Amino acid sequence: MPLLYLTFFYSSAQTINCNNELFGGGLKSPDIEYFEGSRYLYDDFKMGKVYYNDSKMIQLPLRLNLHNDEFEFIKNDSIYAFAMAGNIDRVVLEDEVFIYLEENEMTDLSGFVKVWTPELYPTILTKMKKDFFKKSTGRAFGFPKPDRFVRGTDKHYLMMSNTEISRIISAKDLIENLDQHSSELLEFAREEKISKGKGDELTKLLSHYHKLEN
């Protein structure tokens, strides 16, 4: 019996340059394509807050396009993308906070990243992405796969300050970079089985560090 793939109907958006009061955003003009999977962190738009230019804030429906690394928003029944993301200080989407980082030769991190404890340094940053794969033909022991979006592996970083950001290679590496309470943190990481691949667990380790600091 042939394997059936569940595909979703998507609006693949191209950015059209246009003047827009929101950061010079680009209008998204849909063309129709079929894909498996999704390019978004959440498919549905959620009401969020965008803080920009240090003191301004606007509230509007948002969704994060992980493949294009951009936030899309709805205004006047049209979908836009922020073309000047560097003006954004942070985006609050329900209980998640994202910041935008410019490219920096000191680190491989740029674009929109999740901040786990935005008011408390050091903190954990998580870079999420979705990869796009073109359809593949079947092989001797496999089946053809359609065009598809697949969630990539999250990368986690330790942010000591706005200018000090380093990739987390392991829980031990994170503890060494903190440079305080090493023995207590190593014991906590072993007991709690902290995984370097999970932002919530790394944040749990940092929360313990902050308790030890206080």
C-alpha atoms as a PDB file:
ATOM      1  CA  MET A   1       0.000   0.000   0.000  1.00  0.00           C
ATOM      2  CA  PRO A   2       1.570   3.339  -0.995  1.00  0.00           C
ATOM      3  CA  LEU A   3       2.500   5.792   1.723  1.00  0.00           C
ATOM      4  CA  LEU A   4       0.357   8.938   1.653  1.00  0.00           C
ATOM      5  CA  TYR A   5       1.852  12.268   2.667  1.00  0.00           C
ATOM      6  CA  LEU A   6      -0.260  14.830   4.470  1.00  0.00           C
ATOM      7  CA  THR A   7       0.352  18.191   2.825  1.00  0.00           C
ATOM      8  CA  PHE A   8      -0.830  21.626   3.882  1.00  0.00           C
ATOM      9  CA  PHE A   9      -2.060  24.505   1.763  1.00  0.00           C
ATOM     10  CA  TYR A  10       0.270  27.459   2.210  1.00  0.00           C
ATOM     11  CA  SER A  11       0.616  31.030   1.106  1.00  0.00           C
ATOM     12  CA  SER A  12       4.227  31.469   0.003  1.00  0.00           C
ATOM     13  CA  ALA A  13       4.901  35.163   0.360  1.00  0.00           C
ATOM     14  CA  GLN A  14       7.184  37.408  -1.628  1.00  0.00           C
ATOM     15  CA  THR A  15       8.225  40.750  -0.228  1.00  0.00           C
ATOM     16  CA  ILE A  16       7.232  43.752  -2.318  1.00  0.00           C
ATOM     17  CA  ASN A  17       8.890  47.061  -1.537  1.00  0.00           C
ATOM     18  CA  CYS A  18       6.363  49.609  -0.385  1.00  0.00           C
ATOM     19  CA  ASN A  19       6.231  52.540   1.976  1.00  0.00           C
ATOM     20  CA  ASN A  20       4.744  51.567   5.297  1.00  0.00           C
ATOM     21  CA  GLU A  21       4.485  53.429   8.571  1.00  0.00           C
ATOM     22  CA  LEU A  22       5.772  50.399  10.444  1.00  0.00           C
ATOM     23  CA  PHE A  23       9.528  50.351  10.008  1.00  0.00           C
ATOM     24  CA  GLY A  24       9.359  50.506   6.210  1.00  0.00           C
ATOM     25  CA  GLY A  25       7.778  47.065   6.125  1.00  0.00           C
ATOM     26  CA  GLY A  26       7.169  45.035   2.973  1.00  0.00           C
ATOM     27  CA  LEU A  27       3.719  43.936   1.835  1.00  0.00           C
ATOM     28  CA  LYS A  28       3.422  40.164   1.485  1.00  0.00           C
ATOM     29  CA  SER A  29       1.862  39.165  -1.832  1.00  0.00           C
ATOM     30  CA  PRO A  30       0.756  35.518  -1.700  1.00  0.00           C
ATOM     31  CA  ASP A  31       1.303  32.937  -4.373  1.00  0.00           C
ATOM     32  CA  ILE A  32      -0.030  29.449  -3.807  1.00  0.00           C
ATOM     33  CA  GLU A  33       2.172  26.414  -3.264  1.00  0.00           C
ATOM     34  CA  TYR A  34       1.866  23.031  -1.580  1.00  0.00           C
ATOM     35  CA  PHE A  35       4.274  21.990   1.135  1.00  0.00           C
ATOM     36  CA  GLU A  36       4.540  19.467   3.908  1.00  0.00           C
ATOM     37  CA  GLY A  37       5.161  21.098   7.260  1.00  0.00           C
ATOM     38  CA  SER A  38       5.204  24.773   8.152  1.00  0.00           C
ATOM     39  CA  ARG A  39       7.681  27.631   7.943  1.00  0.00           C
ATOM     40  CA  TYR A  40       6.281  29.305  11.080  1.00  0.00           C
ATOM     41  CA  LEU A  41       6.926  28.884  14.785  1.00  0.00           C
ATOM     42  CA  TYR A  42       3.130  28.985  15.173  1.00  0.00           C
ATOM     43  CA  ASP A  43       0.893  28.933  12.111  1.00  0.00           C
ATOM     44  CA  ASP A  44      -1.749  31.235  13.569  1.00  0.00           C
ATOM     45  CA  PHE A  45      -1.218  34.942  14.155  1.00  0.00           C
ATOM     46  CA  LYS A  46      -1.105  35.789  17.865  1.00  0.00           C
ATOM     47  CA  MET A  47      -1.551  39.215  19.406  1.00  0.00           C
ATOM     48  CA  GLY A  48       1.852  40.543  20.367  1.00  0.00           C
ATOM     49  CA  LYS A  49       3.724  43.709  21.278  1.00  0.00           C
ATOM     50  CA  VAL A  50       6.598  45.247  19.324  1.00  0.00           C
ATOM     51  CA  TYR A  51       8.897  47.645  21.193  1.00  0.00           C
ATOM     52  CA  TYR A  52      11.045  49.821  18.937  1.00  0.00           C
ATOM     53  CA  ASN A  53      13.186  52.938  18.802  1.00  0.00           C
ATOM     54  CA  ASP A  54      13.777  52.743  22.586  1.00  0.00           C
ATOM     55  CA  SER A  55      10.430  54.155  23.729  1.00  0.00           C
ATOM     56  CA  LYS A  56       7.695  53.180  21.251  1.00  0.00           C
ATOM     57  CA  MET A  57       5.352  50.204  21.331  1.00  0.00           C
ATOM     58  CA  ILE A  58       2.630  48.906  19.064  1.00  0.00           C
ATOM     59  CA  GLN A  59       0.304  45.928  19.552  1.00  0.00           C
ATOM     60  CA  LEU A  60      -0.760  43.832  16.567  1.00  0.00           C
ATOM     61  CA  PRO A  61      -1.199  40.232  15.322  1.00  0.00           C
ATOM     62  CA  LEU A  62       2.183  38.564  14.754  1.00  0.00           C
ATOM     63  CA  ARG A  63       3.757  35.303  13.677  1.00  0.00           C
ATOM     64  CA  LEU A  64       7.423  34.324  13.367  1.00  0.00           C
ATOM     65  CA  ASN A  65       8.600  32.970  10.017  1.00  0.00           C
ATOM     66  CA  LEU A  66      11.503  30.769  11.077  1.00  0.00           C
ATOM     67  CA  HIS A  67      12.579  29.975   7.528  1.00  0.00           C
ATOM     68  CA  ASN A  68      12.885  33.626   6.461  1.00  0.00           C
ATOM     69  CA  ASP A  69      13.885  34.776   9.966  1.00  0.00           C
ATOM     70  CA  GLU A  70      11.309  37.558  10.070  1.00  0.00           C
ATOM     71  CA  PHE A  71       8.191  38.579  11.948  1.00  0.00           C
ATOM     72  CA  GLU A  72       5.041  39.013   9.893  1.00  0.00           C
ATOM     73  CA  PHE A  73       2.118  41.134  11.028  1.00  0.00           C
ATOM     74  CA  ILE A  74      -1.431  41.983   9.947  1.00  0.00           C
ATOM     75  CA  LYS A  75      -2.489  45.552   9.337  1.00  0.00           C
ATOM     76  CA  ASN A  76      -5.574  46.707   7.453  1.00  0.00           C
ATOM     77  CA  ASP A  77      -6.337  43.100   6.448  1.00  0.00           C
ATOM     78  CA  SER A  78      -2.943  42.740   4.718  1.00  0.00           C
ATOM     79  CA  ILE A  79       0.146  40.784   5.768  1.00  0.00           C
ATOM     80  CA  TYR A  80       3.473  42.611   6.074  1.00  0.00           C
ATOM     81  CA  ALA A  81       7.008  41.833   7.170  1.00  0.00           C
ATOM     82  CA  PHE A  82       9.304  44.136   9.102  1.00  0.00           C
ATOM     83  CA  ALA A  83      11.954  45.165   6.591  1.00  0.00           C
ATOM     84  CA  MET A  84      13.938  47.222   9.122  1.00  0.00           C
ATOM     85  CA  ALA A  85      14.144  44.710  11.926  1.00  0.00           C
ATOM     86  CA  GLY A  86      17.171  46.479  13.385  1.00  0.00           C
ATOM     87  CA  ASN A  87      14.792  49.145  14.736  1.00  0.00           C
ATOM     88  CA  ILE A  88      13.067  46.554  16.927  1.00  0.00           C
ATOM     89  CA  ASP A  89      14.143  46.380  20.571  1.00  0.00           C
ATOM     90  CA  ARG A  90      12.073  43.325  21.429  1.00  0.00           C
ATOM     91  CA  VAL A  91       8.940  41.426  20.479  1.00  0.00           C
ATOM     92  CA  VAL A  92       6.665  39.953  23.150  1.00  0.00           C
ATOM     93  CA  LEU A  93       4.470  37.132  21.872  1.00  0.00           C
ATOM     94  CA  GLU A  94       2.301  35.785  24.694  1.00  0.00           C
ATOM     95  CA  ASP A  95       4.878  34.526  27.242  1.00  0.00           C
ATOM     96  CA  GLU A  96       7.854  34.506  24.851  1.00  0.00           C
ATOM     97  CA  VAL A  97      10.302  37.360  24.205  1.00  0.00           C
ATOM     98  CA  PHE A  98      12.419  37.797  21.081  1.00  0.00           C
ATOM     99  CA  ILE A  99      15.164  40.269  20.251  1.00  0.00           C
ATOM    100  CA  TYR A 100      16.872  41.070  16.966  1.00  0.00           C
ATOM    101  CA  LEU A 101      20.656  40.829  16.708  1.00  0.00           C
ATOM    102  CA  GLU A 102      22.674  42.386  13.909  1.00  0.00           C
ATOM    103  CA  GLU A 103      25.408  40.317  12.271  1.00  0.00           C
ATOM    104  CA  ASN A 104      28.598  40.336  14.302  1.00  0.00           C
ATOM    105  CA  GLU A 105      31.936  38.849  13.257  1.00  0.00           C
ATOM    106  CA  MET A 106      32.542  37.804  16.884  1.00  0.00           C
ATOM    107  CA  THR A 107      29.667  35.279  16.836  1.00  0.00           C
ATOM    108  CA  ASP A 108      27.646  33.233  14.323  1.00  0.00           C
ATOM    109  CA  LEU A 109      24.409  34.487  15.858  1.00  0.00           C
ATOM    110  CA  SER A 110      22.147  37.032  14.152  1.00  0.00           C
ATOM    111  CA  GLY A 111      18.472  37.680  13.418  1.00  0.00           C
ATOM    112  CA  PHE A 112      15.559  36.992  15.761  1.00  0.00           C
ATOM    113  CA  VAL A 113      16.355  34.918  18.853  1.00  0.00           C
ATOM    114  CA  LYS A 114      14.315  33.900  21.882  1.00  0.00           C
ATOM    115  CA  VAL A 115      15.420  35.352  25.229  1.00  0.00           C
ATOM    116  CA  TRP A 116      14.533  33.054  28.120  1.00  0.00           C
ATOM    117  CA  THR A 117      14.958  35.577  30.979  1.00  0.00           C
ATOM    118  CA  PRO A 118      15.001  39.019  29.326  1.00  0.00           C
ATOM    119  CA  GLU A 119      15.342  41.010  32.562  1.00  0.00           C
ATOM    120  CA  LEU A 120      18.075  38.892  34.117  1.00  0.00           C
ATOM    121  CA  TYR A 121      21.676  38.475  32.955  1.00  0.00           C
ATOM    122  CA  PRO A 122      23.292  36.158  32.214  1.00  0.00           C
ATOM    123  CA  THR A 123      20.518  34.593  30.151  1.00  0.00           C
ATOM    124  CA  ILE A 124      19.977  31.916  27.528  1.00  0.00           C
ATOM    125  CA  LEU A 125      19.341  32.779  23.881  1.00  0.00           C
ATOM    126  CA  THR A 126      17.822  30.257  21.480  1.00  0.00           C
ATOM    127  CA  LYS A 127      18.078  30.447  17.708  1.00  0.00           C
ATOM    128  CA  MET A 128      15.320  28.446  16.009  1.00  0.00           C
ATOM    129  CA  LYS A 129      15.044  27.734  12.309  1.00  0.00           C
ATOM    130  CA  LYS A 130      13.197  25.672   9.737  1.00  0.00           C
ATOM    131  CA  ASP A 131      14.981  24.160   6.761  1.00  0.00           C
ATOM    132  CA  PHE A 132      13.424  23.751   3.318  1.00  0.00           C
ATOM    133  CA  PHE A 133      14.005  20.560   1.344  1.00  0.00           C
ATOM    134  CA  LYS A 134      13.024  20.072  -2.281  1.00  0.00           C
ATOM    135  CA  LYS A 135      11.042  16.986  -3.153  1.00  0.00           C
ATOM    136  CA  SER A 136      13.072  13.823  -3.590  1.00  0.00           C
ATOM    137  CA  THR A 137      12.416  10.761  -5.722  1.00  0.00           C
ATOM    138  CA  GLY A 138      11.969   7.331  -4.224  1.00  0.00           C
ATOM    139  CA  ARG A 139      14.834   4.948  -3.702  1.00  0.00           C
ATOM    140  CA  ALA A 140      14.993   1.175  -3.490  1.00  0.00           C
ATOM    141  CA  PHE A 141      13.865   1.091   0.133  1.00  0.00           C
ATOM    142  CA  GLY A 142      12.163   4.450   0.461  1.00  0.00           C
ATOM    143  CA  PHE A 143       9.353   6.605  -0.851  1.00  0.00           C
ATOM    144  CA  PRO A 144       9.378   9.993  -2.580  1.00  0.00           C
ATOM    145  CA  LYS A 145       9.111  13.035  -0.325  1.00  0.00           C
ATOM    146  CA  PRO A 146       7.374  16.300  -1.294  1.00  0.00           C
ATOM    147  CA  ASP A 147       8.708  19.836  -0.910  1.00  0.00           C
ATOM    148  CA  ARG A 148       8.790  20.301   2.831  1.00  0.00           C
ATOM    149  CA  PHE A 149       9.747  22.496   5.771  1.00  0.00           C
ATOM    150  CA  VAL A 150      11.508  20.707   8.616  1.00  0.00           C
ATOM    151  CA  ARG A 151      12.349  22.140  12.041  1.00  0.00           C
ATOM    152  CA  GLY A 152      16.109  22.464  12.339  1.00  0.00           C
ATOM    153  CA  THR A 153      18.169  21.892  15.455  1.00  0.00           C
ATOM    154  CA  ASP A 154      17.891  24.755  17.935  1.00  0.00           C
ATOM    155  CA  LYS A 155      21.157  26.451  18.867  1.00  0.00           C
ATOM    156  CA  HIS A 156      21.597  27.853  22.351  1.00  0.00           C
ATOM    157  CA  TYR A 157      23.848  30.678  23.505  1.00  0.00           C
ATOM    158  CA  LEU A 158      24.941  32.228  26.774  1.00  0.00           C
ATOM    159  CA  MET A 159      24.384  35.984  26.844  1.00  0.00           C
ATOM    160  CA  MET A 160      26.442  37.618  29.592  1.00  0.00           C
ATOM    161  CA  SER A 161      25.700  41.132  28.326  1.00  0.00           C
ATOM    162  CA  ASN A 162      24.653  42.865  25.103  1.00  0.00           C
ATOM    163  CA  THR A 163      28.204  42.429  23.776  1.00  0.00           C
ATOM    164  CA  GLU A 164      29.168  39.044  25.305  1.00  0.00           C
ATOM    165  CA  ILE A 165      27.476  36.104  23.587  1.00  0.00           C
ATOM    166  CA  SER A 166      28.916  32.599  23.223  1.00  0.00           C
ATOM    167  CA  ARG A 167      27.632  29.311  21.823  1.00  0.00           C
ATOM    168  CA  ILE A 168      26.777  26.636  24.408  1.00  0.00           C
ATOM    169  CA  ILE A 169      28.596  23.416  23.505  1.00  0.00           C
ATOM    170  CA  SER A 170      27.644  21.491  26.656  1.00  0.00           C
ATOM    171  CA  ALA A 171      26.276  22.050  30.145  1.00  0.00           C
ATOM    172  CA  LYS A 172      29.860  21.829  31.437  1.00  0.00           C
ATOM    173  CA  ASP A 173      30.938  24.468  28.918  1.00  0.00           C
ATOM    174  CA  LEU A 174      28.126  26.756  30.123  1.00  0.00           C
ATOM    175  CA  ILE A 175      29.213  26.316  33.745  1.00  0.00           C
ATOM    176  CA  GLU A 176      32.830  27.074  32.900  1.00  0.00           C
ATOM    177  CA  ASN A 177      31.811  30.297  31.142  1.00  0.00           C
ATOM    178  CA  LEU A 178      29.866  31.402  34.225  1.00  0.00           C
ATOM    179  CA  ASP A 179      33.131  31.129  36.187  1.00  0.00           C
ATOM    180  CA  GLN A 180      31.379  30.929  39.594  1.00  0.00           C
ATOM    181  CA  HIS A 181      29.939  28.109  41.760  1.00  0.00           C
ATOM    182  CA  SER A 182      31.308  25.421  39.419  1.00  0.00           C
ATOM    183  CA  SER A 183      31.069  22.460  41.792  1.00  0.00           C
ATOM    184  CA  GLU A 184      27.515  23.275  42.889  1.00  0.00           C
ATOM    185  CA  LEU A 185      26.361  23.799  39.304  1.00  0.00           C
ATOM    186  CA  LEU A 186      27.986  20.598  38.054  1.00  0.00           C
ATOM    187  CA  GLU A 187      26.250  18.633  40.801  1.00  0.00           C
ATOM    188  CA  PHE A 188      22.915  20.301  39.961  1.00  0.00           C
ATOM    189  CA  ALA A 189      23.378  19.580  36.232  1.00  0.00           C
ATOM    190  CA  ARG A 190      24.041  15.895  36.960  1.00  0.00           C
ATOM    191  CA  GLU A 191      21.113  15.544  39.334  1.00  0.00           C
ATOM    192  CA  GLU A 192      18.689  17.309  36.989  1.00  0.00           C
ATOM    193  CA  LYS A 193      20.148  15.687  33.851  1.00  0.00           C
ATOM    194  CA  ILE A 194      20.486  19.072  32.131  1.00  0.00           C
ATOM    195  CA  SER A 195      20.620  18.779  28.343  1.00  0.00           C
ATOM    196  CA  LYS A 196      22.569  21.266  26.208  1.00  0.00           C
ATOM    197  CA  GLY A 197      19.900  20.900  23.526  1.00  0.00           C
ATOM    198  CA  LYS A 198      16.975  22.200  25.596  1.00  0.00           C
ATOM    199  CA  GLY A 199      16.637  25.899  26.329  1.00  0.00           C
ATOM    200  CA  ASP A 200      14.276  25.383  29.249  1.00  0.00           C
ATOM    201  CA  GLU A 201      16.734  23.046  30.981  1.00  0.00           C
ATOM    202  CA  LEU A 202      19.674  25.408  30.416  1.00  0.00           C
ATOM    203  CA  THR A 203      17.531  28.200  31.851  1.00  0.00           C
ATOM    204  CA  LYS A 204      16.792  25.999  34.870  1.00  0.00           C
ATOM    205  CA  LEU A 205      20.547  25.659  35.389  1.00  0.00           C
ATOM    206  CA  LEU A 206      20.985  29.436  35.125  1.00  0.00           C
ATOM    207  CA  SER A 207      18.158  29.976  37.619  1.00  0.00           C
ATOM    208  CA  HIS A 208      20.079  27.851  40.087  1.00  0.00           C
ATOM    209  CA  TYR A 209      23.187  29.938  39.372  1.00  0.00           C
ATOM    210  CA  HIS A 210      21.278  33.131  40.177  1.00  0.00           C
ATOM    211  CA  LYS A 211      20.051  31.617  43.455  1.00  0.00           C
ATOM    212  CA  LEU A 212      23.633  30.825  44.403  1.00  0.00           C
ATOM    213  CA  GLU A 213      24.659  34.375  43.512  1.00  0.00           C
ATOM    214  CA  ASN A 214      22.021  35.788  45.865  1.00  0.00           C
END
